[in-house]
Amino acid sequence: MSILFFSQPSTLNYQRSAFPPSSFPILTFLALVVPAFFAPTATAGERSVTAAEATGTYRDTEGNSEIRILALGHGKLKVQLALVYEFKSGAGPMANLGDASGEATIENDIAVFVPEDAGDCKITMTFLPNGKLKVEQKGEECGFGHNVRAEGTFRKISSRKPKFDDA
């Protein structure tokens, strides 16, 4: 069995550009610069947060739970959480509380706080634009009251250096 290949000579068809040669540097510049205006903004973990942005008092949307933060420098924050879980019982409105304080580490816009003697607890705080703080808790052993969790979006209510309850 033999296979035959036939090849036809090809002719290259050159077209003239619609742009004069002198416009190529301008077009190249525009092709490089214009996409920069449409580049996505930084996402969580990519935006650096200043000490002034981090320092302050943050409150949850219900206005019950509060987080106080002081930037210490060198990637450290002093953190104090005063968390509340409200519920209704047969005896009337009730609340379970959760408190923790200590030092958190921060890299870019994400701070990680692991309360002392709190088992598997890890609290991640992401600093968002416009004075918002997204808080997430991993683990169940944080030493808080029943159903109290460090979660949700907090809003900065004060940029002043917070006063900490030293216990």
N, C-alpha and C. Protein backbone atom coordinates (compact mmCIF):
# COMPACT_ATOMS: atom_id res chain seq x y z
N MET A 1 0.85 -1.16 0.00
CA MET A 1 0.00 0.00 0.00
C MET A 1 0.89 1.22 0.00
N SER A 2 0.59 2.15 -0.82
CA SER A 2 1.38 3.37 -0.87
C SER A 2 0.45 4.57 -0.76
N ILE A 3 0.95 5.56 -0.07
CA ILE A 3 0.18 6.78 0.13
C ILE A 3 0.87 7.89 -0.64
N LEU A 4 0.07 8.61 -1.36
CA LEU A 4 0.61 9.70 -2.13
C LEU A 4 0.13 11.03 -1.54
N PHE A 5 1.04 11.95 -1.39
CA PHE A 5 0.69 13.28 -0.91
C PHE A 5 0.91 14.26 -2.05
N PHE A 6 -0.05 15.07 -2.27
CA PHE A 6 0.08 16.08 -3.29
C PHE A 6 0.11 17.44 -2.60
N SER A 7 0.99 18.22 -3.01
CA SER A 7 1.13 19.55 -2.43
C SER A 7 0.99 20.57 -3.53
N GLN A 8 0.19 21.57 -3.26
CA GLN A 8 0.06 22.63 -4.23
C GLN A 8 0.87 23.82 -3.75
N PRO A 9 1.50 24.49 -4.65
CA PRO A 9 2.26 25.66 -4.22
C PRO A 9 1.30 26.72 -3.68
N SER A 10 1.71 27.31 -2.58
CA SER A 10 0.86 28.35 -1.99
C SER A 10 1.44 29.71 -2.32
N THR A 11 0.55 30.62 -2.37
CA THR A 11 0.99 31.99 -2.61
C THR A 11 0.57 32.81 -1.41
N LEU A 12 1.48 33.57 -0.89
CA LEU A 12 1.18 34.42 0.25
C LEU A 12 0.55 35.69 -0.27
N ASN A 13 -0.50 36.06 0.36
CA ASN A 13 -1.24 37.22 -0.06
C ASN A 13 -1.02 38.33 0.98
N TYR A 14 -0.19 39.28 0.70
CA TYR A 14 0.09 40.38 1.62
C TYR A 14 -0.92 41.49 1.39
N GLN A 15 -1.49 41.96 2.52
CA GLN A 15 -2.42 43.07 2.41
C GLN A 15 -1.77 44.31 2.99
N ARG A 16 -2.18 45.40 2.47
CA ARG A 16 -1.68 46.66 3.00
C ARG A 16 -2.47 47.00 4.24
N SER A 17 -1.80 47.57 5.25
CA SER A 17 -2.45 47.95 6.49
C SER A 17 -3.30 49.19 6.27
N ALA A 18 -4.39 49.26 7.03
CA ALA A 18 -5.25 50.43 6.96
C ALA A 18 -4.65 51.62 7.70
N PHE A 19 -3.60 51.35 8.51
CA PHE A 19 -2.95 52.40 9.28
C PHE A 19 -1.59 52.71 8.68
N PRO A 20 -1.25 53.95 8.58
CA PRO A 20 0.09 54.29 8.07
C PRO A 20 1.16 53.85 9.07
N PRO A 21 2.37 53.54 8.60
CA PRO A 21 3.44 53.06 9.49
C PRO A 21 3.74 54.00 10.65
N SER A 22 3.51 55.29 10.50
CA SER A 22 3.81 56.23 11.57
C SER A 22 2.85 56.09 12.75
N SER A 23 1.70 55.43 12.59
CA SER A 23 0.73 55.30 13.68
C SER A 23 0.99 54.08 14.55
N PHE A 24 1.91 53.20 14.19
CA PHE A 24 2.16 51.99 14.98
C PHE A 24 2.66 52.28 16.38
N PRO A 25 3.55 53.24 16.63
CA PRO A 25 3.95 53.51 18.03
C PRO A 25 2.77 53.97 18.88
N ILE A 26 1.88 54.75 18.31
CA ILE A 26 0.71 55.23 19.05
C ILE A 26 -0.23 54.07 19.34
N LEU A 27 -0.48 53.23 18.36
CA LEU A 27 -1.36 52.08 18.56
C LEU A 27 -0.79 51.12 19.59
N THR A 28 0.51 50.91 19.55
CA THR A 28 1.16 50.03 20.53
C THR A 28 1.01 50.61 21.94
N PHE A 29 1.23 51.89 22.09
CA PHE A 29 1.07 52.55 23.39
C PHE A 29 -0.35 52.38 23.92
N LEU A 30 -1.35 52.64 23.06
CA LEU A 30 -2.75 52.52 23.46
C LEU A 30 -3.10 51.08 23.83
N ALA A 31 -2.57 50.14 23.08
CA ALA A 31 -2.85 48.73 23.37
C ALA A 31 -2.30 48.32 24.74
N LEU A 32 -1.23 48.95 25.17
CA LEU A 32 -0.65 48.62 26.47
C LEU A 32 -1.28 49.40 27.62
N VAL A 33 -1.68 50.63 27.39
CA VAL A 33 -2.17 51.50 28.47
C VAL A 33 -3.67 51.34 28.72
N VAL A 34 -4.48 51.29 27.70
CA VAL A 34 -5.93 51.25 27.86
C VAL A 34 -6.39 50.07 28.71
N PRO A 35 -5.87 48.85 28.54
CA PRO A 35 -6.33 47.75 29.39
C PRO A 35 -6.09 47.99 30.88
N ALA A 36 -5.12 48.80 31.24
CA ALA A 36 -4.84 49.08 32.65
C ALA A 36 -6.02 49.77 33.32
N PHE A 37 -6.79 50.54 32.59
CA PHE A 37 -7.96 51.22 33.15
C PHE A 37 -9.10 50.26 33.42
N PHE A 38 -9.06 49.10 32.81
CA PHE A 38 -10.13 48.12 32.98
C PHE A 38 -9.67 46.93 33.79
N ALA A 39 -8.48 47.00 34.36
CA ALA A 39 -7.96 45.90 35.17
C ALA A 39 -8.79 45.79 36.44
N PRO A 40 -9.00 44.56 36.93
CA PRO A 40 -9.78 44.40 38.15
C PRO A 40 -9.06 45.00 39.35
N THR A 41 -9.84 45.45 40.33
CA THR A 41 -9.26 46.01 41.54
C THR A 41 -8.78 44.87 42.42
N ALA A 42 -8.02 45.21 43.45
CA ALA A 42 -7.47 44.20 44.34
C ALA A 42 -8.58 43.43 45.05
N THR A 43 -8.38 42.14 45.22
CA THR A 43 -9.33 41.31 45.95
C THR A 43 -8.78 41.07 47.35
N ALA A 44 -9.56 40.38 48.15
CA ALA A 44 -9.15 40.11 49.53
C ALA A 44 -7.76 39.49 49.56
N GLY A 45 -6.94 40.01 50.41
CA GLY A 45 -5.59 39.49 50.55
C GLY A 45 -4.57 40.22 49.70
N GLU A 46 -5.01 41.10 48.82
CA GLU A 46 -4.08 41.80 47.92
C GLU A 46 -3.94 43.28 48.25
N ARG A 47 -4.84 43.82 49.04
CA ARG A 47 -4.84 45.25 49.33
C ARG A 47 -4.19 45.48 50.68
N SER A 48 -3.22 46.37 50.74
CA SER A 48 -2.57 46.68 52.01
C SER A 48 -3.45 47.64 52.80
N VAL A 49 -3.50 47.43 54.10
CA VAL A 49 -4.30 48.26 54.99
C VAL A 49 -3.35 49.07 55.86
N THR A 50 -3.61 50.36 55.97
CA THR A 50 -2.77 51.22 56.81
C THR A 50 -3.20 51.07 58.26
N ALA A 51 -2.33 51.54 59.16
CA ALA A 51 -2.65 51.50 60.59
C ALA A 51 -3.91 52.32 60.87
N ALA A 52 -4.04 53.46 60.20
CA ALA A 52 -5.22 54.31 60.40
C ALA A 52 -6.50 53.63 59.93
N GLU A 53 -6.41 52.86 58.86
CA GLU A 53 -7.59 52.14 58.36
C GLU A 53 -8.00 51.03 59.33
N ALA A 54 -7.04 50.34 59.91
CA ALA A 54 -7.34 49.21 60.79
C ALA A 54 -7.78 49.65 62.17
N THR A 55 -7.13 50.65 62.73
CA THR A 55 -7.40 51.07 64.10
C THR A 55 -8.80 51.65 64.24
N GLY A 56 -9.52 51.18 65.25
CA GLY A 56 -10.84 51.73 65.52
C GLY A 56 -11.76 50.73 66.18
N THR A 57 -13.03 51.11 66.24
CA THR A 57 -14.07 50.29 66.84
C THR A 57 -15.07 49.93 65.76
N TYR A 58 -15.41 48.65 65.69
CA TYR A 58 -16.32 48.12 64.68
C TYR A 58 -17.53 47.50 65.38
N ARG A 59 -18.71 47.68 64.78
CA ARG A 59 -19.94 47.15 65.36
C ARG A 59 -20.69 46.36 64.29
N ASP A 60 -21.37 45.29 64.72
CA ASP A 60 -22.13 44.48 63.77
C ASP A 60 -23.41 45.21 63.34
N THR A 61 -24.12 44.62 62.38
CA THR A 61 -25.29 45.30 61.81
C THR A 61 -26.42 45.43 62.82
N GLU A 62 -26.50 44.52 63.80
CA GLU A 62 -27.54 44.62 64.83
C GLU A 62 -27.17 45.64 65.90
N GLY A 63 -25.91 46.04 65.96
CA GLY A 63 -25.46 47.01 66.94
C GLY A 63 -25.16 46.43 68.30
N ASN A 64 -25.02 45.11 68.39
CA ASN A 64 -24.78 44.46 69.68
C ASN A 64 -23.32 44.07 69.90
N SER A 65 -22.73 43.44 68.92
CA SER A 65 -21.37 42.94 69.04
C SER A 65 -20.38 44.00 68.60
N GLU A 66 -19.21 43.99 69.22
CA GLU A 66 -18.22 45.03 68.95
C GLU A 66 -16.82 44.42 68.89
N ILE A 67 -16.01 44.96 68.00
CA ILE A 67 -14.61 44.56 67.88
C ILE A 67 -13.77 45.82 67.95
N ARG A 68 -12.78 45.81 68.83
CA ARG A 68 -11.86 46.94 68.95
C ARG A 68 -10.50 46.48 68.43
N ILE A 69 -9.89 47.34 67.61
CA ILE A 69 -8.61 46.99 66.98
C ILE A 69 -7.65 48.17 67.08
N LEU A 70 -6.42 47.84 67.45
CA LEU A 70 -5.34 48.83 67.49
C LEU A 70 -4.16 48.27 66.72
N ALA A 71 -3.71 48.98 65.68
CA ALA A 71 -2.53 48.57 64.93
C ALA A 71 -1.30 48.81 65.78
N LEU A 72 -0.50 47.75 65.98
CA LEU A 72 0.71 47.84 66.80
C LEU A 72 1.97 48.00 65.95
N GLY A 73 1.86 47.72 64.67
CA GLY A 73 3.02 47.76 63.78
C GLY A 73 3.63 46.38 63.65
N HIS A 74 4.52 46.23 62.69
CA HIS A 74 5.23 44.97 62.43
C HIS A 74 4.27 43.79 62.23
N GLY A 75 3.14 44.05 61.56
CA GLY A 75 2.19 42.99 61.24
C GLY A 75 1.38 42.49 62.42
N LYS A 76 1.22 43.30 63.46
CA LYS A 76 0.48 42.90 64.66
C LYS A 76 -0.65 43.87 64.96
N LEU A 77 -1.75 43.34 65.50
CA LEU A 77 -2.89 44.12 65.93
C LEU A 77 -3.27 43.69 67.34
N LYS A 78 -3.67 44.64 68.15
CA LYS A 78 -4.29 44.32 69.43
C LYS A 78 -5.78 44.24 69.16
N VAL A 79 -6.42 43.13 69.58
CA VAL A 79 -7.82 42.88 69.24
C VAL A 79 -8.60 42.55 70.51
N GLN A 80 -9.82 43.08 70.57
CA GLN A 80 -10.73 42.71 71.65
C GLN A 80 -12.12 42.53 71.05
N LEU A 81 -12.70 41.36 71.30
CA LEU A 81 -14.04 41.05 70.81
C LEU A 81 -15.01 41.03 71.98
N ALA A 82 -16.15 41.67 71.81
CA ALA A 82 -17.25 41.61 72.77
C ALA A 82 -18.48 41.23 71.95
N LEU A 83 -18.81 39.94 71.97
CA LEU A 83 -19.83 39.40 71.08
C LEU A 83 -21.10 39.05 71.85
N VAL A 84 -22.24 39.20 71.18
CA VAL A 84 -23.54 38.98 71.81
C VAL A 84 -24.41 38.13 70.89
N TYR A 85 -25.08 37.13 71.49
CA TYR A 85 -26.11 36.37 70.79
C TYR A 85 -27.41 36.57 71.57
N GLU A 86 -28.34 37.31 70.98
CA GLU A 86 -29.62 37.58 71.65
C GLU A 86 -30.65 36.55 71.22
N PHE A 87 -31.53 36.19 72.16
CA PHE A 87 -32.62 35.27 71.86
C PHE A 87 -33.77 35.52 72.84
N LYS A 88 -34.94 34.98 72.49
CA LYS A 88 -36.12 35.12 73.35
C LYS A 88 -36.37 33.80 74.05
N SER A 89 -36.67 33.90 75.32
CA SER A 89 -37.00 32.71 76.09
C SER A 89 -38.35 32.94 76.77
N GLY A 90 -38.83 31.93 77.48
CA GLY A 90 -40.07 32.07 78.21
C GLY A 90 -39.99 33.15 79.27
N ALA A 91 -38.79 33.44 79.74
CA ALA A 91 -38.59 34.47 80.76
C ALA A 91 -38.39 35.85 80.16
N GLY A 92 -38.37 35.94 78.83
CA GLY A 92 -38.16 37.23 78.18
C GLY A 92 -36.88 37.24 77.37
N PRO A 93 -36.46 38.43 76.91
CA PRO A 93 -35.24 38.52 76.11
C PRO A 93 -34.01 38.11 76.93
N MET A 94 -33.13 37.35 76.29
CA MET A 94 -31.90 36.87 76.94
C MET A 94 -30.74 37.09 75.98
N ALA A 95 -29.53 36.94 76.50
CA ALA A 95 -28.33 37.07 75.66
C ALA A 95 -27.21 36.19 76.20
N ASN A 96 -26.51 35.58 75.29
CA ASN A 96 -25.28 34.86 75.63
C ASN A 96 -24.13 35.73 75.14
N LEU A 97 -23.04 35.74 75.90
CA LEU A 97 -21.92 36.62 75.60
C LEU A 97 -20.66 35.83 75.27
N GLY A 98 -19.79 36.47 74.54
CA GLY A 98 -18.49 35.89 74.23
C GLY A 98 -17.45 36.99 74.16
N ASP A 99 -16.38 36.81 74.90
CA ASP A 99 -15.30 37.81 74.92
C ASP A 99 -13.98 37.13 74.62
N ALA A 100 -13.12 37.84 73.93
CA ALA A 100 -11.77 37.37 73.67
C ALA A 100 -10.89 38.58 73.40
N SER A 101 -9.65 38.49 73.79
CA SER A 101 -8.71 39.57 73.48
C SER A 101 -7.32 38.99 73.33
N GLY A 102 -6.50 39.72 72.62
CA GLY A 102 -5.13 39.27 72.39
C GLY A 102 -4.54 39.94 71.17
N GLU A 103 -3.54 39.27 70.61
CA GLU A 103 -2.82 39.82 69.47
C GLU A 103 -3.14 39.02 68.22
N ALA A 104 -3.40 39.75 67.14
CA ALA A 104 -3.64 39.13 65.84
C ALA A 104 -2.50 39.48 64.90
N THR A 105 -2.30 38.67 63.90
CA THR A 105 -1.32 38.98 62.86
C THR A 105 -2.09 39.50 61.65
N ILE A 106 -1.47 40.42 60.92
CA ILE A 106 -2.12 40.95 59.72
C ILE A 106 -1.13 40.93 58.57
N GLU A 107 -1.63 40.51 57.42
CA GLU A 107 -0.85 40.53 56.18
C GLU A 107 -1.77 41.07 55.10
N ASN A 108 -1.35 42.16 54.48
CA ASN A 108 -2.18 42.88 53.50
C ASN A 108 -3.47 43.32 54.17
N ASP A 109 -4.62 42.76 53.78
CA ASP A 109 -5.88 43.19 54.38
C ASP A 109 -6.57 42.08 55.19
N ILE A 110 -5.83 41.04 55.52
CA ILE A 110 -6.40 39.92 56.27
C ILE A 110 -5.67 39.74 57.59
N ALA A 111 -6.45 39.81 58.68
CA ALA A 111 -5.91 39.59 60.02
C ALA A 111 -6.41 38.25 60.53
N VAL A 112 -5.54 37.55 61.24
CA VAL A 112 -5.90 36.26 61.82
C VAL A 112 -5.69 36.34 63.33
N PHE A 113 -6.75 35.97 64.07
CA PHE A 113 -6.73 36.02 65.52
C PHE A 113 -7.07 34.63 66.05
N VAL A 114 -6.18 34.11 66.88
CA VAL A 114 -6.40 32.82 67.53
C VAL A 114 -6.43 33.08 69.03
N PRO A 115 -7.64 33.05 69.63
CA PRO A 115 -7.72 33.30 71.07
C PRO A 115 -6.93 32.27 71.87
N GLU A 116 -6.29 32.74 72.94
CA GLU A 116 -5.52 31.84 73.80
C GLU A 116 -6.43 30.82 74.45
N ASP A 117 -5.96 29.60 74.59
CA ASP A 117 -6.71 28.53 75.25
C ASP A 117 -8.11 28.35 74.68
N ALA A 118 -8.25 28.48 73.38
CA ALA A 118 -9.58 28.39 72.77
C ALA A 118 -9.71 27.20 71.84
N GLY A 119 -8.92 26.19 72.00
CA GLY A 119 -9.06 24.97 71.19
C GLY A 119 -8.79 25.20 69.72
N ASP A 120 -9.77 24.81 68.89
CA ASP A 120 -9.58 24.86 67.43
C ASP A 120 -10.05 26.17 66.81
N CYS A 121 -10.20 27.21 67.58
CA CYS A 121 -10.76 28.48 67.11
C CYS A 121 -9.75 29.31 66.31
N LYS A 122 -10.22 29.81 65.19
CA LYS A 122 -9.43 30.72 64.37
C LYS A 122 -10.39 31.76 63.79
N ILE A 123 -10.11 33.03 64.03
CA ILE A 123 -10.98 34.11 63.56
C ILE A 123 -10.23 34.91 62.51
N THR A 124 -10.82 35.00 61.32
CA THR A 124 -10.22 35.74 60.21
C THR A 124 -11.02 37.02 60.00
N MET A 125 -10.30 38.13 59.95
CA MET A 125 -10.94 39.43 59.73
C MET A 125 -10.37 40.04 58.46
N THR A 126 -11.24 40.33 57.51
CA THR A 126 -10.83 40.91 56.24
C THR A 126 -11.29 42.36 56.20
N PHE A 127 -10.34 43.27 56.05
CA PHE A 127 -10.65 44.69 55.98
C PHE A 127 -11.12 45.02 54.57
N LEU A 128 -12.34 45.51 54.49
CA LEU A 128 -12.95 45.86 53.21
C LEU A 128 -12.96 47.38 53.05
N PRO A 129 -13.16 47.86 51.84
CA PRO A 129 -13.25 49.31 51.65
C PRO A 129 -14.43 49.90 52.44
N ASN A 130 -14.40 51.19 52.62
CA ASN A 130 -15.47 51.94 53.28
C ASN A 130 -15.67 51.56 54.74
N GLY A 131 -14.58 51.19 55.43
CA GLY A 131 -14.66 50.94 56.86
C GLY A 131 -15.44 49.70 57.26
N LYS A 132 -15.47 48.70 56.41
CA LYS A 132 -16.16 47.46 56.75
C LYS A 132 -15.16 46.37 57.08
N LEU A 133 -15.59 45.45 57.91
CA LEU A 133 -14.75 44.35 58.38
C LEU A 133 -15.56 43.07 58.27
N LYS A 134 -15.10 42.14 57.45
CA LYS A 134 -15.77 40.84 57.30
C LYS A 134 -15.09 39.87 58.26
N VAL A 135 -15.89 39.25 59.13
CA VAL A 135 -15.35 38.38 60.17
C VAL A 135 -15.87 36.96 59.96
N GLU A 136 -14.95 36.00 60.01
CA GLU A 136 -15.31 34.59 59.85
C GLU A 136 -14.64 33.78 60.95
N GLN A 137 -15.39 32.84 61.51
CA GLN A 137 -14.88 31.98 62.57
C GLN A 137 -14.77 30.56 62.05
N LYS A 138 -13.62 29.94 62.27
CA LYS A 138 -13.43 28.53 61.95
C LYS A 138 -13.20 27.81 63.27
N GLY A 139 -13.87 26.71 63.45
CA GLY A 139 -13.77 25.95 64.69
C GLY A 139 -14.88 26.33 65.65
N GLU A 140 -15.14 25.45 66.59
CA GLU A 140 -16.25 25.66 67.52
C GLU A 140 -15.79 25.98 68.93
N GLU A 141 -14.54 25.73 69.24
CA GLU A 141 -14.04 25.89 70.60
C GLU A 141 -13.37 27.25 70.79
N CYS A 142 -14.18 28.31 70.78
CA CYS A 142 -13.63 29.65 70.94
C CYS A 142 -13.78 30.18 72.36
N GLY A 143 -14.49 29.42 73.21
CA GLY A 143 -14.68 29.86 74.58
C GLY A 143 -15.80 30.87 74.73
N PHE A 144 -16.64 31.02 73.70
CA PHE A 144 -17.76 31.95 73.76
C PHE A 144 -18.97 31.23 74.36
N GLY A 145 -20.01 32.01 74.68
CA GLY A 145 -21.26 31.44 75.17
C GLY A 145 -21.96 30.66 74.07
N HIS A 146 -23.03 29.94 74.47
CA HIS A 146 -23.80 29.12 73.54
C HIS A 146 -24.31 29.95 72.36
N ASN A 147 -24.05 29.47 71.15
CA ASN A 147 -24.48 30.11 69.88
C ASN A 147 -23.78 31.43 69.58
N VAL A 148 -22.81 31.84 70.38
CA VAL A 148 -22.08 33.07 70.10
C VAL A 148 -20.97 32.75 69.10
N ARG A 149 -20.95 33.49 68.02
CA ARG A 149 -19.94 33.27 66.98
C ARG A 149 -19.37 34.61 66.52
N ALA A 150 -18.11 34.56 66.12
CA ALA A 150 -17.45 35.74 65.55
C ALA A 150 -17.64 35.66 64.04
N GLU A 151 -18.76 36.18 63.56
CA GLU A 151 -19.08 36.11 62.14
C GLU A 151 -19.91 37.32 61.73
N GLY A 152 -19.81 37.65 60.47
CA GLY A 152 -20.64 38.71 59.91
C GLY A 152 -19.82 39.89 59.43
N THR A 153 -20.53 40.91 59.01
CA THR A 153 -19.89 42.14 58.54
C THR A 153 -20.07 43.21 59.60
N PHE A 154 -18.96 43.79 59.98
CA PHE A 154 -18.94 44.85 60.98
C PHE A 154 -18.62 46.16 60.28
N ARG A 155 -19.15 47.26 60.83
CA ARG A 155 -18.92 48.59 60.26
C ARG A 155 -18.14 49.42 61.26
N LYS A 156 -17.18 50.16 60.76
CA LYS A 156 -16.36 51.01 61.63
C LYS A 156 -17.21 52.17 62.13
N ILE A 157 -17.29 52.29 63.46
CA ILE A 157 -18.08 53.38 64.04
C ILE A 157 -17.20 54.46 64.63
N SER A 158 -15.91 54.16 64.80
CA SER A 158 -14.97 55.15 65.31
C SER A 158 -13.58 54.83 64.81
N SER A 159 -12.85 55.86 64.43
CA SER A 159 -11.46 55.68 63.99
C SER A 159 -10.48 56.04 65.10
N ARG A 160 -11.01 56.41 66.26
CA ARG A 160 -10.14 56.75 67.38
C ARG A 160 -9.47 55.51 67.94
N LYS A 161 -8.35 55.74 68.62
CA LYS A 161 -7.67 54.64 69.30
C LYS A 161 -8.64 54.08 70.36
N PRO A 162 -8.98 52.79 70.26
CA PRO A 162 -9.98 52.26 71.18
C PRO A 162 -9.43 52.07 72.60
N LYS A 163 -10.35 52.12 73.55
CA LYS A 163 -10.00 51.81 74.93
C LYS A 163 -10.31 50.34 75.15
N PHE A 164 -9.34 49.62 75.71
CA PHE A 164 -9.49 48.19 75.92
C PHE A 164 -9.83 47.89 77.38
N ASP A 165 -10.70 46.89 77.55
CA ASP A 165 -11.02 46.42 78.90
C ASP A 165 -9.92 45.44 79.29
N ASP A 166 -9.00 45.87 80.12
CA ASP A 166 -7.91 44.99 80.55
C ASP A 166 -8.38 44.18 81.75
N ALA A 167 -8.44 42.87 81.53
CA ALA A 167 -8.89 42.02 82.62
C ALA A 167 -7.81 41.05 83.01
